[in-house]
Amino acid sequence: MSEKSFENSISELEEIVLRLENGDVTLDESLSLFEKGIKLSKNCQKMLDAAEKKVSVLLTNDDGEIVKEDFINNEE
């Protein structure tokens, strides 16, 4: 599976869920779609974990402490 953007992966996952919920696919197709969905889900989780680490690094001050309140105060 080629590296997809997070948004593309989520969109594809939504399509898979809709097809599985409709129930008009064979058992073999369902298993194949489920397997693909699991792979997409794991890939999305990896991307989210990487983004979380990046945000933590960006919010870390010179003392190595995560400065969450600065981030929260800037959102208001």
PDB file of N, CA and C in Angstrom:
ATOM      1  N   MET A   1       0.854  -1.173   0.000  1.00  0.00           N
ATOM      2  CA  MET A   1       0.000   0.000   0.000  1.00  0.00           C
ATOM      3  C   MET A   1       0.900   1.236   0.000  1.00  0.00           C
ATOM      4  N   SER A   2       0.719   2.133  -0.942  1.00  0.00           N
ATOM      5  CA  SER A   2       1.536   3.342  -1.012  1.00  0.00           C
ATOM      6  C   SER A   2       1.141   4.287   0.123  1.00  0.00           C
ATOM      7  N   GLU A   3       2.066   5.170   0.468  1.00  0.00           N
ATOM      8  CA  GLU A   3       1.829   6.127   1.545  1.00  0.00           C
ATOM      9  C   GLU A   3       0.768   7.139   1.109  1.00  0.00           C
ATOM     10  N   LYS A   4      -0.347   7.175   1.831  1.00  0.00           N
ATOM     11  CA  LYS A   4      -1.443   8.084   1.518  1.00  0.00           C
ATOM     12  C   LYS A   4      -1.483   9.173   2.573  1.00  0.00           C
ATOM     13  N   SER A   5      -2.121  10.257   2.236  1.00  0.00           N
ATOM     14  CA  SER A   5      -2.301  11.308   3.240  1.00  0.00           C
ATOM     15  C   SER A   5      -3.330  10.816   4.264  1.00  0.00           C
ATOM     16  N   PHE A   6      -3.304  11.455   5.411  1.00  0.00           N
ATOM     17  CA  PHE A   6      -4.251  11.106   6.462  1.00  0.00           C
ATOM     18  C   PHE A   6      -5.683  11.275   5.957  1.00  0.00           C
ATOM     19  N   GLU A   7      -5.921  12.392   5.292  1.00  0.00           N
ATOM     20  CA  GLU A   7      -7.269  12.682   4.800  1.00  0.00           C
ATOM     21  C   GLU A   7      -7.739  11.655   3.768  1.00  0.00           C
ATOM     22  N   ASN A   8      -6.847  11.256   2.877  1.00  0.00           N
ATOM     23  CA  ASN A   8      -7.212  10.235   1.880  1.00  0.00           C
ATOM     24  C   ASN A   8      -7.498   8.901   2.542  1.00  0.00           C
ATOM     25  N   SER A   9      -6.697   8.561   3.545  1.00  0.00           N
ATOM     26  CA  SER A   9      -6.906   7.297   4.260  1.00  0.00           C
ATOM     27  C   SER A   9      -8.235   7.291   4.993  1.00  0.00           C
ATOM     28  N   ILE A  10      -8.561   8.401   5.645  1.00  0.00           N
ATOM     29  CA  ILE A  10      -9.843   8.494   6.359  1.00  0.00           C
ATOM     30  C   ILE A  10     -11.007   8.399   5.381  1.00  0.00           C
ATOM     31  N   SER A  11     -10.887   9.065   4.251  1.00  0.00           N
ATOM     32  CA  SER A  11     -11.937   9.018   3.239  1.00  0.00           C
ATOM     33  C   SER A  11     -12.145   7.588   2.740  1.00  0.00           C
ATOM     34  N   GLU A  12     -11.039   6.905   2.493  1.00  0.00           N
ATOM     35  CA  GLU A  12     -11.141   5.518   2.026  1.00  0.00           C
ATOM     36  C   GLU A  12     -11.735   4.615   3.109  1.00  0.00           C
ATOM     37  N   LEU A  13     -11.368   4.870   4.361  1.00  0.00           N
ATOM     38  CA  LEU A  13     -11.950   4.100   5.467  1.00  0.00           C
ATOM     39  C   LEU A  13     -13.466   4.310   5.536  1.00  0.00           C
ATOM     40  N   GLU A  14     -13.907   5.532   5.349  1.00  0.00           N
ATOM     41  CA  GLU A  14     -15.341   5.826   5.360  1.00  0.00           C
ATOM     42  C   GLU A  14     -16.068   5.070   4.252  1.00  0.00           C
ATOM     43  N   GLU A  15     -15.466   5.022   3.081  1.00  0.00           N
ATOM     44  CA  GLU A  15     -16.060   4.278   1.962  1.00  0.00           C
ATOM     45  C   GLU A  15     -16.158   2.789   2.289  1.00  0.00           C
ATOM     46  N   ILE A  16     -15.115   2.253   2.892  1.00  0.00           N
ATOM     47  CA  ILE A  16     -15.111   0.834   3.266  1.00  0.00           C
ATOM     48  C   ILE A  16     -16.215   0.556   4.276  1.00  0.00           C
ATOM     49  N   VAL A  17     -16.338   1.415   5.275  1.00  0.00           N
ATOM     50  CA  VAL A  17     -17.376   1.239   6.296  1.00  0.00           C
ATOM     51  C   VAL A  17     -18.756   1.259   5.655  1.00  0.00           C
ATOM     52  N   LEU A  18     -18.991   2.202   4.753  1.00  0.00           N
ATOM     53  CA  LEU A  18     -20.293   2.273   4.079  1.00  0.00           C
ATOM     54  C   LEU A  18     -20.592   1.002   3.295  1.00  0.00           C
ATOM     55  N   ARG A  19     -19.598   0.502   2.571  1.00  0.00           N
ATOM     56  CA  ARG A  19     -19.805  -0.730   1.791  1.00  0.00           C
ATOM     57  C   ARG A  19     -20.108  -1.912   2.700  1.00  0.00           C
ATOM     58  N   LEU A  20     -19.388  -1.992   3.823  1.00  0.00           N
ATOM     59  CA  LEU A  20     -19.619  -3.102   4.756  1.00  0.00           C
ATOM     60  C   LEU A  20     -20.975  -2.967   5.445  1.00  0.00           C
ATOM     61  N   GLU A  21     -21.368  -1.742   5.771  1.00  0.00           N
ATOM     62  CA  GLU A  21     -22.665  -1.525   6.419  1.00  0.00           C
ATOM     63  C   GLU A  21     -23.820  -1.835   5.485  1.00  0.00           C
ATOM     64  N   ASN A  22     -23.639  -1.589   4.194  1.00  0.00           N
ATOM     65  CA  ASN A  22     -24.705  -1.880   3.229  1.00  0.00           C
ATOM     66  C   ASN A  22     -24.991  -3.373   3.144  1.00  0.00           C
ATOM     67  N   GLY A  23     -23.983  -4.177   3.402  1.00  0.00           N
ATOM     68  CA  GLY A  23     -24.184  -5.622   3.426  1.00  0.00           C
ATOM     69  C   GLY A  23     -24.362  -6.266   2.066  1.00  0.00           C
ATOM     70  N   ASP A  24     -24.035  -5.551   0.992  1.00  0.00           N
ATOM     71  CA  ASP A  24     -24.237  -6.118  -0.338  1.00  0.00           C
ATOM     72  C   ASP A  24     -22.932  -6.646  -0.958  1.00  0.00           C
ATOM     73  N   VAL A  25     -21.975  -6.994  -0.089  1.00  0.00           N
ATOM     74  CA  VAL A  25     -20.722  -7.575  -0.563  1.00  0.00           C
ATOM     75  C   VAL A  25     -20.633  -9.015  -0.084  1.00  0.00           C
ATOM     76  N   THR A  26     -19.904  -9.812  -0.824  1.00  0.00           N
ATOM     77  CA  THR A  26     -19.746 -11.219  -0.446  1.00  0.00           C
ATOM     78  C   THR A  26     -18.855 -11.336   0.783  1.00  0.00           C
ATOM     79  N   LEU A  27     -18.815 -12.519   1.345  1.00  0.00           N
ATOM     80  CA  LEU A  27     -17.973 -12.763   2.507  1.00  0.00           C
ATOM     81  C   LEU A  27     -16.509 -12.501   2.172  1.00  0.00           C
ATOM     82  N   ASP A  28     -16.064 -12.990   1.021  1.00  0.00           N
ATOM     83  CA  ASP A  28     -14.675 -12.768   0.614  1.00  0.00           C
ATOM     84  C   ASP A  28     -14.377 -11.279   0.440  1.00  0.00           C
ATOM     85  N   GLU A  29     -15.307 -10.559  -0.176  1.00  0.00           N
ATOM     86  CA  GLU A  29     -15.120  -9.116  -0.340  1.00  0.00           C
ATOM     87  C   GLU A  29     -15.098  -8.421   1.015  1.00  0.00           C
ATOM     88  N   SER A  30     -15.973  -8.859   1.920  1.00  0.00           N
ATOM     89  CA  SER A  30     -16.024  -8.279   3.264  1.00  0.00           C
ATOM     90  C   SER A  30     -14.702  -8.464   3.986  1.00  0.00           C
ATOM     91  N   LEU A  31     -14.152  -9.662   3.905  1.00  0.00           N
ATOM     92  CA  LEU A  31     -12.873  -9.923   4.557  1.00  0.00           C
ATOM     93  C   LEU A  31     -11.760  -9.080   3.955  1.00  0.00           C
ATOM     94  N   SER A  32     -11.775  -8.953   2.646  1.00  0.00           N
ATOM     95  CA  SER A  32     -10.767  -8.152   1.963  1.00  0.00           C
ATOM     96  C   SER A  32     -10.890  -6.676   2.354  1.00  0.00           C
ATOM     97  N   LEU A  33     -12.114  -6.177   2.372  1.00  0.00           N
ATOM     98  CA  LEU A  33     -12.347  -4.790   2.769  1.00  0.00           C
ATOM     99  C   LEU A  33     -11.951  -4.566   4.233  1.00  0.00           C
ATOM    100  N   PHE A  34     -12.284  -5.533   5.083  1.00  0.00           N
ATOM    101  CA  PHE A  34     -11.943  -5.423   6.496  1.00  0.00           C
ATOM    102  C   PHE A  34     -10.424  -5.368   6.674  1.00  0.00           C
ATOM    103  N   GLU A  35      -9.722  -6.229   5.964  1.00  0.00           N
ATOM    104  CA  GLU A  35      -8.260  -6.251   6.038  1.00  0.00           C
ATOM    105  C   GLU A  35      -7.676  -4.907   5.579  1.00  0.00           C
ATOM    106  N   LYS A  36      -8.194  -4.391   4.478  1.00  0.00           N
ATOM    107  CA  LYS A  36      -7.728  -3.106   3.974  1.00  0.00           C
ATOM    108  C   LYS A  36      -8.028  -1.990   4.976  1.00  0.00           C
ATOM    109  N   GLY A  37      -9.200  -2.056   5.591  1.00  0.00           N
ATOM    110  CA  GLY A  37      -9.584  -1.066   6.594  1.00  0.00           C
ATOM    111  C   GLY A  37      -8.671  -1.090   7.810  1.00  0.00           C
ATOM    112  N   ILE A  38      -8.292  -2.280   8.242  1.00  0.00           N
ATOM    113  CA  ILE A  38      -7.381  -2.412   9.382  1.00  0.00           C
ATOM    114  C   ILE A  38      -6.030  -1.796   9.038  1.00  0.00           C
ATOM    115  N   LYS A  39      -5.528  -2.056   7.840  1.00  0.00           N
ATOM    116  CA  LYS A  39      -4.246  -1.480   7.414  1.00  0.00           C
ATOM    117  C   LYS A  39      -4.323   0.037   7.353  1.00  0.00           C
ATOM    118  N   LEU A  40      -5.407   0.560   6.809  1.00  0.00           N
ATOM    119  CA  LEU A  40      -5.590   2.008   6.750  1.00  0.00           C
ATOM    120  C   LEU A  40      -5.682   2.608   8.149  1.00  0.00           C
ATOM    121  N   SER A  41      -6.398   1.930   9.021  1.00  0.00           N
ATOM    122  CA  SER A  41      -6.560   2.399  10.390  1.00  0.00           C
ATOM    123  C   SER A  41      -5.210   2.449  11.115  1.00  0.00           C
ATOM    124  N   LYS A  42      -4.408   1.422  10.952  1.00  0.00           N
ATOM    125  CA  LYS A  42      -3.083   1.394  11.586  1.00  0.00           C
ATOM    126  C   LYS A  42      -2.200   2.505  11.022  1.00  0.00           C
ATOM    127  N   ASN A  43      -2.278   2.728   9.729  1.00  0.00           N
ATOM    128  CA  ASN A  43      -1.507   3.790   9.104  1.00  0.00           C
ATOM    129  C   ASN A  43      -1.947   5.163   9.626  1.00  0.00           C
ATOM    130  N   CYS A  44      -3.238   5.357   9.771  1.00  0.00           N
ATOM    131  CA  CYS A  44      -3.759   6.621  10.318  1.00  0.00           C
ATOM    132  C   CYS A  44      -3.271   6.806  11.755  1.00  0.00           C
ATOM    133  N   GLN A  45      -3.282   5.743  12.538  1.00  0.00           N
ATOM    134  CA  GLN A  45      -2.827   5.840  13.923  1.00  0.00           C
ATOM    135  C   GLN A  45      -1.354   6.219  13.983  1.00  0.00           C
ATOM    136  N   LYS A  46      -0.549   5.659  13.080  1.00  0.00           N
ATOM    137  CA  LYS A  46       0.875   6.013  13.029  1.00  0.00           C
ATOM    138  C   LYS A  46       1.048   7.491  12.703  1.00  0.00           C
ATOM    139  N   MET A  47       0.253   7.985  11.746  1.00  0.00           N
ATOM    140  CA  MET A  47       0.346   9.397  11.376  1.00  0.00           C
ATOM    141  C   MET A  47      -0.089  10.293  12.529  1.00  0.00           C
ATOM    142  N   LEU A  48      -1.139   9.900  13.251  1.00  0.00           N
ATOM    143  CA  LEU A  48      -1.589  10.682  14.403  1.00  0.00           C
ATOM    144  C   LEU A  48      -0.540  10.683  15.511  1.00  0.00           C
ATOM    145  N   ASP A  49       0.072   9.529  15.759  1.00  0.00           N
ATOM    146  CA  ASP A  49       1.127   9.445  16.769  1.00  0.00           C
ATOM    147  C   ASP A  49       2.300  10.351  16.406  1.00  0.00           C
ATOM    148  N   ALA A  50       2.684  10.340  15.135  1.00  0.00           N
ATOM    149  CA  ALA A  50       3.792  11.186  14.678  1.00  0.00           C
ATOM    150  C   ALA A  50       3.439  12.664  14.835  1.00  0.00           C
ATOM    151  N   ALA A  51       2.207  13.018  14.509  1.00  0.00           N
ATOM    152  CA  ALA A  51       1.774  14.408  14.643  1.00  0.00           C
ATOM    153  C   ALA A  51       1.760  14.826  16.115  1.00  0.00           C
ATOM    154  N   GLU A  52       1.315  13.932  16.981  1.00  0.00           N
ATOM    155  CA  GLU A  52       1.292  14.226  18.413  1.00  0.00           C
ATOM    156  C   GLU A  52       2.706  14.452  18.944  1.00  0.00           C
ATOM    157  N   LYS A  53       3.647  13.624  18.520  1.00  0.00           N
ATOM    158  CA  LYS A  53       5.037  13.793  18.942  1.00  0.00           C
ATOM    159  C   LYS A  53       5.593  15.125  18.450  1.00  0.00           C
ATOM    160  N   LYS A  54       5.264  15.466  17.219  1.00  0.00           N
ATOM    161  CA  LYS A  54       5.743  16.729  16.653  1.00  0.00           C
ATOM    162  C   LYS A  54       5.193  17.920  17.438  1.00  0.00           C
ATOM    163  N   VAL A  55       3.916  17.880  17.772  1.00  0.00           N
ATOM    164  CA  VAL A  55       3.295  18.954  18.549  1.00  0.00           C
ATOM    165  C   VAL A  55       3.945  19.032  19.926  1.00  0.00           C
ATOM    166  N   SER A  56       4.207  17.881  20.543  1.00  0.00           N
ATOM    167  CA  SER A  56       4.866  17.874  21.853  1.00  0.00           C
ATOM    168  C   SER A  56       6.234  18.519  21.779  1.00  0.00           C
ATOM    169  N   VAL A  57       6.981  18.225  20.727  1.00  0.00           N
ATOM    170  CA  VAL A  57       8.296  18.835  20.554  1.00  0.00           C
ATOM    171  C   VAL A  57       8.158  20.342  20.384  1.00  0.00           C
ATOM    172  N   LEU A  58       7.191  20.763  19.598  1.00  0.00           N
ATOM    173  CA  LEU A  58       6.992  22.186  19.360  1.00  0.00           C
ATOM    174  C   LEU A  58       6.567  22.931  20.623  1.00  0.00           C
ATOM    175  N   LEU A  59       5.902  22.231  21.529  1.00  0.00           N
ATOM    176  CA  LEU A  59       5.417  22.860  22.756  1.00  0.00           C
ATOM    177  C   LEU A  59       6.370  22.683  23.931  1.00  0.00           C
ATOM    178  N   THR A  60       7.530  22.106  23.693  1.00  0.00           N
ATOM    179  CA  THR A  60       8.488  21.895  24.767  1.00  0.00           C
ATOM    180  C   THR A  60       9.359  23.140  24.926  1.00  0.00           C
ATOM    181  N   ASN A  61       9.488  23.600  26.175  1.00  0.00           N
ATOM    182  CA  ASN A  61      10.322  24.779  26.422  1.00  0.00           C
ATOM    183  C   ASN A  61      11.789  24.375  26.559  1.00  0.00           C
ATOM    184  N   ASP A  62      12.639  25.332  26.841  1.00  0.00           N
ATOM    185  CA  ASP A  62      14.074  25.079  26.937  1.00  0.00           C
ATOM    186  C   ASP A  62      14.440  24.147  28.087  1.00  0.00           C
ATOM    187  N   ASP A  63      13.562  24.028  29.086  1.00  0.00           N
ATOM    188  CA  ASP A  63      13.816  23.150  30.223  1.00  0.00           C
ATOM    189  C   ASP A  63      13.312  21.733  29.978  1.00  0.00           C
ATOM    190  N   GLY A  64      12.771  21.483  28.784  1.00  0.00           N
ATOM    191  CA  GLY A  64      12.262  20.154  28.461  1.00  0.00           C
ATOM    192  C   GLY A  64      10.861  19.887  28.959  1.00  0.00           C
ATOM    193  N   GLU A  65      10.180  20.921  29.442  1.00  0.00           N
ATOM    194  CA  GLU A  65       8.811  20.758  29.930  1.00  0.00           C
ATOM    195  C   GLU A  65       7.829  21.106  28.825  1.00  0.00           C
ATOM    196  N   ILE A  66       6.751  20.374  28.776  1.00  0.00           N
ATOM    197  CA  ILE A  66       5.717  20.669  27.787  1.00  0.00           C
ATOM    198  C   ILE A  66       4.857  21.810  28.328  1.00  0.00           C
ATOM    199  N   VAL A  67       4.730  22.841  27.540  1.00  0.00           N
ATOM    200  CA  VAL A  67       4.032  24.054  27.951  1.00  0.00           C
ATOM    201  C   VAL A  67       2.654  24.063  27.299  1.00  0.00           C
ATOM    202  N   LYS A  68       1.743  23.304  27.880  1.00  0.00           N
ATOM    203  CA  LYS A  68       0.401  23.180  27.310  1.00  0.00           C
ATOM    204  C   LYS A  68      -0.407  24.456  27.474  1.00  0.00           C
ATOM    205  N   GLU A  69      -0.240  25.149  28.608  1.00  0.00           N
ATOM    206  CA  GLU A  69      -1.066  26.336  28.842  1.00  0.00           C
ATOM    207  C   GLU A  69      -0.801  27.425  27.814  1.00  0.00           C
ATOM    208  N   ASP A  70       0.438  27.539  27.311  1.00  0.00           N
ATOM    209  CA  ASP A  70       0.713  28.522  26.264  1.00  0.00           C
ATOM    210  C   ASP A  70      -0.087  28.214  25.009  1.00  0.00           C
ATOM    211  N   PHE A  71      -0.161  26.947  24.665  1.00  0.00           N
ATOM    212  CA  PHE A  71      -0.914  26.523  23.488  1.00  0.00           C
ATOM    213  C   PHE A  71      -2.393  26.800  23.679  1.00  0.00           C
ATOM    214  N   ILE A  72      -2.896  26.455  24.851  1.00  0.00           N
ATOM    215  CA  ILE A  72      -4.321  26.642  25.124  1.00  0.00           C
ATOM    216  C   ILE A  72      -4.666  28.125  25.139  1.00  0.00           C
ATOM    217  N   ASN A  73      -3.840  28.961  25.764  1.00  0.00           N
ATOM    218  CA  ASN A  73      -4.104  30.403  25.835  1.00  0.00           C
ATOM    219  C   ASN A  73      -4.072  31.051  24.459  1.00  0.00           C
ATOM    220  N   ASN A  74      -3.250  30.554  23.551  1.00  0.00           N
ATOM    221  CA  ASN A  74      -3.177  31.114  22.213  1.00  0.00           C
ATOM    222  C   ASN A  74      -4.370  30.739  21.355  1.00  0.00           C
ATOM    223  N   GLU A  75      -5.107  29.733  21.749  1.00  0.00           N
ATOM    224  CA  GLU A  75      -6.277  29.289  20.983  1.00  0.00           C
ATOM    225  C   GLU A  75      -7.465  30.203  21.204  1.00  0.00           C
ATOM    226  N   GLU A  76      -7.493  30.925  22.313  1.00  0.00           N
ATOM    227  CA  GLU A  76      -8.672  31.743  22.657  1.00  0.00           C
ATOM    228  C   GLU A  76      -8.745  33.004  21.858  1.00  0.00           C
TER     229      GLU A  76
END
